[in-house]
Protein backbone atom coordinates (compact mmCIF):
# COMPACT_ATOMS: atom_id res chain seq x y z
CA MET A 1 -29.60 -7.08 -19.36
CA ALA A 2 -31.87 -4.20 -20.38
CA VAL A 3 -31.44 -2.58 -16.97
CA GLU A 4 -27.65 -2.82 -17.20
CA GLN A 5 -27.65 -1.38 -20.74
CA ASP A 6 -29.81 1.50 -19.54
CA ARG A 7 -27.44 2.14 -16.63
CA ALA A 8 -24.50 2.04 -19.07
CA ARG A 9 -26.19 4.62 -21.30
CA ARG A 10 -26.87 6.92 -18.32
CA THR A 11 -23.28 6.60 -17.14
CA SER A 12 -22.07 7.38 -20.66
CA SER A 13 -24.16 10.55 -20.99
CA ALA A 14 -22.98 11.77 -17.59
CA VAL A 15 -19.34 11.72 -18.62
CA ASP A 16 -19.68 12.90 -22.22
CA VAL A 17 -19.04 16.56 -21.39
CA SER A 18 -16.07 15.97 -19.03
CA SER A 19 -14.47 13.48 -21.43
CA ALA A 20 -14.68 15.92 -24.30
CA ARG A 21 -13.13 18.61 -22.12
CA THR A 22 -10.20 16.55 -20.80
CA GLY A 23 -9.49 14.36 -23.84
CA ALA A 24 -8.95 11.35 -21.56
CA GLU A 25 -9.43 7.78 -22.75
CA ARG A 26 -12.98 6.52 -22.32
CA ALA A 27 -13.30 3.14 -20.67
CA VAL A 28 -16.05 0.57 -20.21
CA LEU A 29 -15.66 -1.13 -16.82
CA VAL A 30 -16.66 -4.77 -16.47
CA GLY A 31 -17.06 -6.23 -12.99
CA VAL A 32 -17.12 -10.01 -12.50
CA ASP A 33 -18.95 -11.70 -9.63
CA LEU A 34 -18.21 -15.42 -9.46
CA ARG A 35 -21.01 -16.85 -7.36
CA ALA A 36 -19.01 -19.86 -6.18
CA ARG A 37 -16.49 -17.57 -4.56
CA ALA A 38 -19.21 -15.37 -3.16
CA LEU A 39 -20.92 -18.36 -1.56
CA ASN A 40 -17.68 -19.52 0.05
CA ARG A 41 -17.05 -16.07 1.40
CA THR A 42 -20.61 -15.80 2.62
CA GLY A 43 -20.18 -18.98 4.65
CA ALA A 44 -17.12 -17.57 6.37
CA ALA A 45 -18.87 -14.26 6.88
CA ALA A 46 -21.86 -16.04 8.42
CA ALA A 47 -19.57 -17.74 10.92
CA ARG A 48 -18.03 -14.40 11.89
CA LEU A 49 -21.43 -12.77 12.20
CA ALA A 50 -22.65 -15.63 14.40
CA ALA A 51 -19.61 -15.24 16.66
CA ALA A 52 -20.19 -11.48 16.85
CA ALA A 53 -23.86 -12.02 17.70
CA ALA A 54 -22.91 -14.43 20.48
CA ALA A 55 -20.45 -11.88 21.88
CA GLU A 56 -23.09 -9.15 21.79
CA GLN A 57 -25.54 -11.43 23.58
CA ALA A 58 -22.97 -12.14 26.29
CA GLU A 59 -22.31 -8.42 26.73
CA ALA A 60 -26.02 -7.69 26.91
CA GLU A 61 -26.46 -10.29 29.62
CA ALA A 62 -23.55 -8.75 31.54
CA GLY A 63 -25.10 -5.29 31.23
CA ALA A 64 -22.44 -3.88 28.91
CA ALA A 65 -23.37 -1.85 25.85
CA PRO A 66 -22.25 -3.37 22.55
CA GLU A 67 -19.60 -1.46 20.65
CA ALA A 68 -20.40 0.11 17.29
CA LEU A 69 -17.47 -0.39 14.96
CA PRO A 70 -17.21 1.26 11.53
CA VAL A 71 -15.02 -1.46 10.04
CA ALA A 72 -17.01 -4.21 8.38
CA GLY A 73 -15.76 -7.75 8.55
CA PRO A 74 -16.88 -10.04 5.75
CA GLY A 75 -14.86 -8.47 2.91
CA MET A 76 -15.56 -6.89 -0.45
CA ASP A 77 -18.57 -7.84 -2.50
CA ALA A 78 -18.65 -7.37 -6.26
CA GLU A 79 -20.08 -3.84 -6.08
CA GLU A 80 -17.41 -2.67 -3.61
CA SER A 81 -14.72 -4.27 -5.74
CA LEU A 82 -16.03 -2.40 -8.77
CA ALA A 83 -16.01 0.86 -6.79
CA GLU A 84 -12.34 0.30 -5.93
CA PHE A 85 -11.66 -0.54 -9.58
CA ARG A 86 -13.31 2.73 -10.55
CA GLU A 87 -10.80 4.59 -8.36
CA LEU A 88 -7.96 2.74 -10.10
CA VAL A 89 -9.27 3.87 -13.49
CA LEU A 90 -9.46 7.48 -12.34
CA SER A 91 -5.91 7.21 -10.95
CA ALA A 92 -4.80 6.07 -14.40
CA GLY A 93 -6.31 9.20 -15.93
CA GLY A 94 -9.26 7.48 -17.59
CA GLU A 95 -12.88 8.56 -18.05
CA ILE A 96 -15.61 6.03 -17.26
CA ALA A 97 -17.94 5.66 -20.22
CA ALA A 98 -20.05 2.81 -18.82
CA GLU A 99 -20.08 0.08 -16.17
CA LEU A 100 -21.32 -3.50 -16.53
CA MET A 101 -21.51 -6.40 -14.08
CA GLN A 102 -21.43 -10.10 -14.96
CA ARG A 103 -22.46 -12.72 -12.41
CA ARG A 104 -21.55 -16.33 -13.12
CA PRO A 105 -21.11 -19.51 -11.08
CA ARG A 106 -17.68 -20.01 -12.67
CA PRO A 107 -15.45 -18.20 -15.21
CA ASP A 108 -15.85 -18.97 -18.89
CA PRO A 109 -12.55 -20.53 -20.11
CA ALA A 110 -12.68 -18.70 -23.45
CA THR A 111 -13.86 -15.19 -22.52
CA LEU A 112 -14.26 -15.13 -18.70
CA VAL A 113 -17.76 -13.61 -18.99
CA GLY A 114 -19.45 -15.77 -21.66
CA ALA A 115 -20.36 -15.20 -25.31
CA GLY A 116 -23.64 -13.36 -24.61
CA LYS A 117 -21.99 -10.88 -22.28
CA VAL A 118 -19.21 -10.28 -24.79
CA GLU A 119 -21.82 -9.25 -27.37
CA GLU A 120 -23.40 -6.87 -24.86
CA ILE A 121 -20.00 -5.35 -23.98
CA ALA A 122 -19.22 -4.91 -27.69
CA GLY A 123 -22.53 -3.05 -28.19
CA VAL A 124 -21.95 -0.77 -25.19
CA ALA A 125 -18.34 -0.07 -26.22
CA ALA A 126 -19.45 0.84 -29.77
CA SER A 127 -22.37 3.02 -28.66
CA THR A 128 -20.25 4.93 -26.13
CA GLU A 129 -17.27 5.21 -28.50
CA ALA A 130 -15.05 3.74 -25.80
CA ASP A 131 -11.28 3.54 -26.29
CA LEU A 132 -10.82 0.46 -24.13
CA VAL A 133 -12.61 -2.16 -22.03
CA LEU A 134 -11.27 -2.81 -18.54
CA PHE A 135 -11.99 -6.05 -16.66
CA ASP A 136 -11.90 -6.10 -12.85
CA HIS A 137 -10.33 -9.54 -13.01
CA ASP A 138 -7.16 -11.11 -14.39
CA LEU A 139 -7.44 -12.51 -17.91
CA SER A 140 -5.57 -15.54 -19.17
CA PRO A 141 -3.65 -15.19 -22.47
CA THR A 142 -6.42 -17.09 -24.30
CA GLN A 143 -9.19 -14.96 -22.81
CA LEU A 144 -7.31 -11.78 -23.65
CA ARG A 145 -6.84 -12.82 -27.30
CA ASN A 146 -10.48 -13.87 -27.70
CA LEU A 147 -11.81 -10.67 -26.17
CA GLU A 148 -9.60 -8.44 -28.29
CA ALA A 149 -10.83 -10.28 -31.39
CA ALA A 150 -14.50 -9.81 -30.40
CA LEU A 151 -14.47 -6.23 -29.06
CA PRO A 152 -14.06 -3.04 -31.12
CA CYS A 153 -11.37 -1.55 -28.85
CA ARG A 154 -8.40 -2.45 -26.67
CA VAL A 155 -8.85 -4.79 -23.70
CA LEU A 156 -6.98 -4.54 -20.39
CA ASP A 157 -7.35 -6.57 -17.21
CA ARG A 158 -6.84 -5.54 -13.59
CA THR A 159 -3.13 -6.33 -13.50
CA GLN A 160 -2.40 -4.36 -16.68
CA LEU A 161 -4.23 -1.35 -15.24
CA ILE A 162 -2.20 -1.46 -12.01
CA LEU A 163 1.01 -1.78 -14.02
CA ASP A 164 0.01 1.27 -16.06
CA ILE A 165 -0.58 3.31 -12.89
CA PHE A 166 2.80 2.23 -11.56
CA ALA A 167 4.43 3.27 -14.84
CA ARG A 168 2.79 6.72 -14.60
CA HIS A 169 3.96 7.32 -11.03
CA ALA A 170 7.51 5.92 -11.19
CA ARG A 171 9.87 8.87 -10.91
CA THR A 172 13.27 7.42 -9.98
CA ARG A 173 15.44 5.22 -12.17
CA GLU A 174 14.90 2.38 -9.70
CA GLY A 175 11.13 2.66 -9.85
CA GLN A 176 11.15 2.73 -13.64
CA LEU A 177 13.32 -0.40 -13.78
CA GLN A 178 10.97 -2.24 -11.44
CA VAL A 179 7.85 -1.28 -13.37
CA GLU A 180 9.39 -2.24 -16.72
CA LEU A 181 10.44 -5.63 -15.34
CA ALA A 182 6.91 -6.29 -14.05
CA GLN A 183 5.38 -5.24 -17.38
CA LEU A 184 7.65 -7.48 -19.44
CA GLU A 185 7.20 -10.50 -17.18
CA TYR A 186 3.43 -10.08 -17.40
CA MET A 187 3.38 -9.60 -21.17
CA LEU A 188 5.84 -12.35 -22.14
CA PRO A 189 3.28 -15.23 -22.13
CA ARG A 190 0.72 -12.97 -23.84
CA LEU A 191 2.64 -12.08 -27.00
CA THR A 192 0.75 -14.36 -29.39
CA GLY A 193 -1.89 -12.40 -31.27
CA ARG A 194 -1.14 -9.10 -29.51
CA GLY A 195 -0.21 -7.32 -32.73
CA LYS A 196 -0.20 -3.54 -32.54
CA SER A 197 -1.07 -3.42 -28.83
CA MET A 198 2.48 -4.50 -28.02
CA SER A 199 3.47 -0.92 -28.80
CA GLN A 200 2.17 0.01 -25.32
CA LEU A 201 5.43 -1.27 -23.86
CA GLY A 202 7.78 0.70 -26.10
CA GLY A 203 11.50 0.52 -25.64
CA GLY A 204 12.99 -1.54 -28.46
CA ILE A 205 10.77 -4.57 -28.94
CA GLY A 206 11.00 -4.05 -32.71
CA THR A 207 8.56 -4.12 -35.61
CA ARG A 208 6.26 -7.09 -35.61
CA GLY A 209 6.25 -9.36 -38.67
CA PRO A 210 4.10 -12.34 -39.65
CA GLY A 211 4.75 -15.89 -38.56
CA GLU A 212 6.15 -17.75 -35.58
CA THR A 213 9.76 -16.77 -36.35
CA GLN A 214 9.11 -13.11 -35.55
CA LEU A 215 7.19 -14.12 -32.42
CA GLU A 216 10.14 -16.14 -31.15
CA THR A 217 12.45 -13.23 -31.95
CA ASP A 218 10.28 -10.93 -29.85
CA ARG A 219 10.30 -13.42 -27.00
CA ARG A 220 14.09 -13.66 -27.05
CA ARG A 221 14.43 -9.87 -27.08
CA ILE A 222 12.07 -9.50 -24.15
CA GLN A 223 13.81 -12.27 -22.24
CA ARG A 224 17.18 -10.58 -22.78
CA ARG A 225 15.73 -7.30 -21.55
CA ILE A 226 14.27 -9.04 -18.48
CA ASP A 227 17.68 -10.54 -17.69
CA GLN A 228 19.31 -7.13 -18.02
CA LEU A 229 16.70 -5.49 -15.77
CA LYS A 230 17.28 -8.12 -13.10
CA LEU A 231 21.02 -7.41 -13.22
CA ASP A 232 20.33 -3.66 -12.88
CA LEU A 233 18.02 -4.24 -9.92
CA ASP A 234 20.64 -6.48 -8.29
CA ALA A 235 23.00 -3.52 -8.54
CA VAL A 236 20.34 -1.36 -6.87
CA ARG A 237 20.07 -3.92 -4.07
CA ARG A 238 23.84 -3.84 -3.56
CA VAL A 239 23.82 -0.05 -3.27
CA ARG A 240 20.91 -0.22 -0.82
CA ARG A 241 22.72 -2.89 1.18
CA GLN A 242 25.82 -0.69 1.41
CA GLN A 243 23.72 2.30 2.48
CA ARG A 244 21.99 0.14 5.09
CA GLN A 245 25.32 -1.13 6.43
CA ARG A 246 26.54 2.45 6.83
CA ARG A 247 23.32 3.30 8.70
CA GLU A 248 23.70 0.24 10.92
CA ALA A 249 27.13 1.48 12.01
CA VAL A 250 25.14 4.08 13.97
CA PRO A 251 22.33 2.48 16.03
CA VAL A 252 19.32 4.20 14.39
CA PRO A 253 16.37 1.80 14.04
CA THR A 254 14.01 1.99 11.06
CA VAL A 255 10.21 2.19 11.34
CA ALA A 256 8.30 1.44 8.11
CA LEU A 257 4.83 2.63 7.14
CA VAL A 258 2.84 -0.12 5.44
CA GLY A 259 -0.81 -0.34 4.48
CA TYR A 260 -3.45 -0.46 1.79
CA THR A 261 -3.17 2.07 -1.00
CA ASN A 262 -4.80 5.44 -0.24
CA ALA A 263 -4.87 4.77 3.52
CA GLY A 264 -3.03 8.05 4.16
CA LYS A 265 0.54 6.82 4.66
CA SER A 266 2.23 9.73 2.88
CA THR A 267 0.07 12.29 4.70
CA LEU A 268 1.00 10.67 8.02
CA PHE A 269 4.67 10.57 6.93
CA ASN A 270 4.58 14.32 6.24
CA ARG A 271 2.78 15.04 9.51
CA LEU A 272 5.37 13.15 11.58
CA THR A 273 8.54 14.28 9.82
CA GLY A 274 7.65 17.65 8.33
CA ALA A 275 8.60 16.34 4.89
CA GLN A 276 6.87 17.47 1.72
CA VAL A 277 6.48 14.18 -0.17
CA LEU A 278 3.57 13.88 -2.58
CA GLN A 279 0.28 13.14 -0.88
CA SER A 280 -2.69 12.43 -3.09
CA ALA A 281 -6.13 10.85 -2.97
CA ARG A 282 -5.15 8.87 -6.06
CA MET A 283 -4.09 5.26 -5.61
CA PHE A 284 -0.37 4.42 -5.71
CA ALA A 285 0.77 8.04 -5.50
CA THR A 286 3.91 6.75 -3.70
CA LEU A 287 6.15 4.26 -5.47
CA ASP A 288 9.66 5.26 -4.49
CA PRO A 289 10.62 4.79 -0.83
CA LYS A 290 11.30 7.85 1.30
CA LEU A 291 13.42 7.95 4.48
CA ARG A 292 13.35 10.77 7.03
CA ALA A 293 14.64 11.14 10.59
CA LEU A 294 12.10 11.26 13.39
CA GLU A 295 12.66 12.13 17.04
CA LEU A 296 10.58 10.25 19.62
CA PRO A 297 9.44 11.53 23.04
CA SER A 298 12.36 9.64 24.65
CA ARG A 299 14.70 11.71 22.42
CA ARG A 300 15.67 8.60 20.49
CA LYS A 301 16.15 9.07 16.77
CA VAL A 302 14.59 6.67 14.27
CA LEU A 303 14.32 6.57 10.49
CA LEU A 304 10.75 6.58 9.18
CA SER A 305 10.21 4.91 5.79
CA ASP A 306 7.25 5.57 3.49
CA THR A 307 6.59 2.61 1.17
CA VAL A 308 4.37 1.68 -1.75
CA GLY A 309 0.78 0.84 -0.87
CA PHE A 310 -0.69 -2.63 -1.23
CA ILE A 311 -3.97 -3.60 -2.85
CA ARG A 312 -6.28 -6.57 -3.19
CA ASN A 313 -4.89 -9.16 -5.62
CA LEU A 314 -1.61 -7.26 -5.98
CA PRO A 315 0.12 -8.86 -8.98
CA HIS A 316 2.85 -11.24 -7.90
CA THR A 317 5.15 -9.79 -10.57
CA LEU A 318 4.94 -6.43 -8.80
CA VAL A 319 5.81 -7.91 -5.39
CA THR A 320 8.79 -9.64 -6.99
CA SER A 321 9.92 -6.62 -9.02
CA PHE A 322 9.57 -4.21 -6.09
CA ARG A 323 11.54 -6.48 -3.77
CA ALA A 324 14.40 -3.94 -3.71
CA THR A 325 12.03 -1.19 -2.58
CA LEU A 326 10.25 -3.40 -0.05
CA GLU A 327 13.55 -4.40 1.56
CA GLU A 328 12.98 -1.41 3.86
CA VAL A 329 9.95 -3.29 5.19
CA GLU A 330 12.00 -6.47 5.63
CA GLN A 331 14.73 -4.63 7.56
CA ALA A 332 12.50 -2.41 9.71
CA GLU A 333 12.37 -3.04 13.44
CA VAL A 334 8.74 -1.93 13.77
CA LEU A 335 5.95 -1.67 11.19
CA LEU A 336 3.20 0.93 11.35
CA HIS A 337 0.19 -0.65 9.65
CA VAL A 338 -1.82 2.39 8.56
CA ARG A 339 -5.49 1.64 7.94
CA ASP A 340 -8.42 3.76 6.80
CA ALA A 341 -10.74 3.88 9.81
CA SER A 342 -13.62 5.12 7.65
CA SER A 343 -13.44 2.25 5.14
CA THR A 344 -16.39 -0.15 5.09
CA TYR A 345 -14.15 -3.09 4.19
CA GLY A 346 -11.23 -2.45 6.55
CA ASP A 347 -10.83 -6.08 7.59
CA GLU A 348 -10.49 -7.16 3.96
CA GLN A 349 -7.81 -4.50 3.41
CA LYS A 350 -5.99 -5.63 6.55
CA ALA A 351 -6.01 -9.25 5.34
CA GLN A 352 -4.57 -8.21 1.97
CA VAL A 353 -1.75 -6.25 3.59
CA GLU A 354 -0.91 -9.18 5.86
CA LYS A 355 -0.86 -11.46 2.82
CA VAL A 356 1.86 -9.33 1.18
CA LEU A 357 3.77 -9.05 4.48
CA ALA A 358 3.75 -12.84 4.66
CA GLU A 359 5.28 -12.97 1.16
CA LEU A 360 8.00 -10.62 2.41
CA GLU A 361 8.48 -12.78 5.54
CA ALA A 362 7.73 -9.71 7.66
CA LEU A 363 4.45 -10.80 9.24
CA ARG A 364 6.03 -11.61 12.62
CA LYS A 365 7.66 -8.23 13.06
CA PRO A 366 6.35 -5.96 15.84
CA ARG A 367 3.42 -4.13 14.30
CA ILE A 368 1.39 -1.15 15.49
CA GLU A 369 -2.14 -0.92 14.09
CA VAL A 370 -2.79 2.73 13.24
CA LEU A 371 -6.34 3.72 12.30
CA ASN A 372 -6.11 6.89 10.24
CA LYS A 373 -8.86 9.35 9.15
CA VAL A 374 -10.69 9.24 12.49
CA ASP A 375 -11.80 12.80 11.78
CA LEU A 376 -14.36 11.18 9.44
CA LEU A 377 -15.90 9.13 12.29
CA SER A 378 -18.41 10.00 14.97
CA PRO A 379 -17.30 10.13 18.66
CA HIS A 380 -19.29 6.95 19.36
CA GLN A 381 -17.46 5.07 16.62
CA CYS A 382 -14.10 6.27 17.96
CA GLU A 383 -14.97 4.96 21.44
CA GLY A 384 -15.61 1.52 20.00
CA LEU A 385 -12.26 1.50 18.19
CA GLU A 386 -10.29 2.68 21.24
CA ALA A 387 -11.53 -0.36 23.14
CA ARG A 388 -9.71 -2.59 20.61
CA GLY A 389 -6.32 -1.20 21.62
CA GLU A 390 -5.51 0.39 18.26
CA VAL A 391 -3.92 3.84 17.86
CA LEU A 392 -6.40 6.35 16.46
CA VAL A 393 -4.98 9.26 14.45
CA SER A 394 -5.90 11.82 11.84
CA ALA A 395 -2.92 12.66 9.66
CA ARG A 396 -4.91 15.54 8.19
CA THR A 397 -5.69 17.30 11.49
CA GLY A 398 -2.79 16.03 13.63
CA GLU A 399 -5.04 14.26 16.13
CA GLY A 400 -3.41 11.35 17.99
CA MET A 401 0.22 12.07 16.99
CA ASP A 402 1.48 12.10 20.60
CA ALA A 403 -0.10 8.71 21.30
CA LEU A 404 1.41 7.29 18.10
CA LEU A 405 4.91 8.52 18.94
CA ALA A 406 4.61 7.03 22.42
CA ALA A 407 3.50 3.71 20.94
CA ILE A 408 6.53 3.66 18.61
CA ASP A 409 8.77 4.42 21.58
CA ALA A 410 7.31 1.51 23.55
CA ALA A 411 7.60 -0.94 20.62
CA LEU A 412 11.33 -0.38 19.99
CA HIS A 413 13.60 -2.91 21.66
CA SER A 414 16.99 -2.05 20.21
CA ASP A 415 18.90 0.63 22.12
CA PRO A 416 16.41 0.63 25.03
CA ILE A 417 15.69 3.61 27.23
CA VAL A 418 17.43 3.53 30.62
CA GLU A 419 17.52 5.93 33.54
CA ALA A 420 20.71 7.27 35.11
CA GLU A 421 22.14 9.81 37.56
CA LEU A 422 25.02 11.82 36.11
CA ARG A 423 27.55 14.26 37.61
CA VAL A 424 29.12 16.39 34.90
CA PRO A 425 31.64 19.21 35.43
CA GLN A 426 30.28 22.52 34.18
CA ASN A 427 33.32 23.01 31.94
CA GLU A 428 32.28 19.90 29.91
CA GLY A 429 30.08 21.92 27.60
CA ALA A 430 30.06 19.34 24.79
CA VAL A 431 28.89 16.60 27.16
CA LEU A 432 26.12 18.78 28.61
CA ALA A 433 25.00 19.72 25.10
CA ALA A 434 24.89 16.03 24.08
CA ILE A 435 22.76 15.25 27.15
CA ASP A 436 20.30 18.05 26.37
CA ALA A 437 20.10 17.01 22.71
CA GLY A 438 19.72 13.24 23.16
CA MET A 439 18.13 12.61 26.57
CA VAL A 440 15.17 13.62 28.67
CA VAL A 441 16.41 15.58 31.70
CA HIS A 442 14.11 14.99 34.68
CA SER A 443 16.01 17.15 37.19
CA ARG A 444 19.11 19.35 37.26
CA ALA A 445 20.97 20.58 40.33
CA TYR A 446 24.23 22.54 40.68
CA GLU A 447 26.78 21.43 43.29
CA GLY A 448 29.70 23.81 43.06
CA ASN A 449 31.35 23.29 39.66
CA VAL A 450 29.40 20.07 39.01
CA VAL A 451 25.95 19.63 37.49
CA ARG A 452 23.94 16.70 38.87
CA LEU A 453 21.33 15.39 36.43
CA SER A 454 18.62 12.75 36.57
CA VAL A 455 18.09 11.61 32.98
CA SER A 456 16.58 8.90 30.78
CA GLY A 457 17.85 8.17 27.31
CA PRO A 458 19.17 5.57 24.87
CA ALA A 459 21.45 2.97 26.42
CA SER A 460 24.06 3.58 23.70
CA LEU A 461 24.37 7.27 24.60
CA ILE A 462 24.36 6.73 28.35
CA GLY A 463 26.99 4.00 27.88
CA ARG A 464 29.33 6.55 26.28
CA LEU A 465 28.94 8.73 29.38
CA ARG A 466 29.69 6.00 31.91
CA GLU A 467 32.55 8.00 33.46
CA TYR A 468 30.01 10.59 34.62
CA ARG A 469 27.59 8.12 36.22
CA LEU A 470 27.36 7.85 39.98
CA ARG A 471 29.43 5.03 41.43
CA ASN A 472 26.55 3.05 42.96
CA GLN A 473 24.71 2.66 39.61
CA PRO A 474 24.91 -0.45 37.45
């Protein structure tokens, strides 16, 4: 305990100057390592490591050199989880006053971390003049009430922090509706004893009074607001459905970018489409979906969609509330799963993304694994990743874009690419222009007033030019 208090004091002194300069809220971070879970995970990790060791032994016996991969397999430990939580706090605009870690075999039902640790947290929060204490774990309503009663400042858990970041980054009316719905659904069972902290929500909850009657009034008001938000989001879904139906009238498939937050999806989206959407190292910089046209090497046109990033233990209320936004993922023909190649817990991130895709019933869709940020890896590490059949790119430098576009082309099954021989009169300028704009012309020869072309292009476009195809073609 003395070591942790000393580390907390050092962390506090390191941020004193910057906190005073920025005026940001000072936060004490509390990580929680439940040993029972860690032991279960360790057993699974041991099995994977044993399998990897056996594979390496087999390769050594065959004379092949083992591959060095930068992506670690077992998953996040408590320290890595706390590091990710630290990034969330910075994304929310907070200053880190101190960090503490609690290791327990099981959570304490009353306070999650135990009475002794609560006393230590209270002392650190008071000595660092912290504005709030953040727990890298979800708190039950009882735990939240008990902690707020025992600590000298506000208490937030992981879900509340993520909701706050979403609220900061929501720009469109749709995004704001979705965030408000998620906030209200999360807070509804936690009203009892919240007192003045309910003012964080804003927006017409009303002045709190004493007694159960006022509490029930607040609950009814929140429930009415939740019902209204759901109706508004249903209207958003109807508009999106109508827009999608209009798009489907023209055969333009959609390709959706999915992945862990801060994997570089928006940077890749800008690189591919030339768009100027916000790209940031902060988590959840993108909340509102973006659609842009993209031309593939085959000259086919697709719509590329940039979506909200996923994260470990993404609150279920967010997945439900953002269903309207994530419909682009459900309707996409191909998913580009963008992963951070330099991350030390890439397999854990991949598993979390697949978990959310399963909730969206999109796990069986054709998926291209895209490892981004390869400019941060050594050539030897890149060789090991290429052997796994994944597409390696750097959205920052542009490396690997041609290979990615070719992979998208190969994965699309609607409106397939076909080859054809065409004979077009030279006076059909509009037809020749359409061929040059939408097909790949392999050869062109002039026979009097007729142009003979060998082309490949979308079946839908070639079908509209069937009168110009040579007779002996299907």
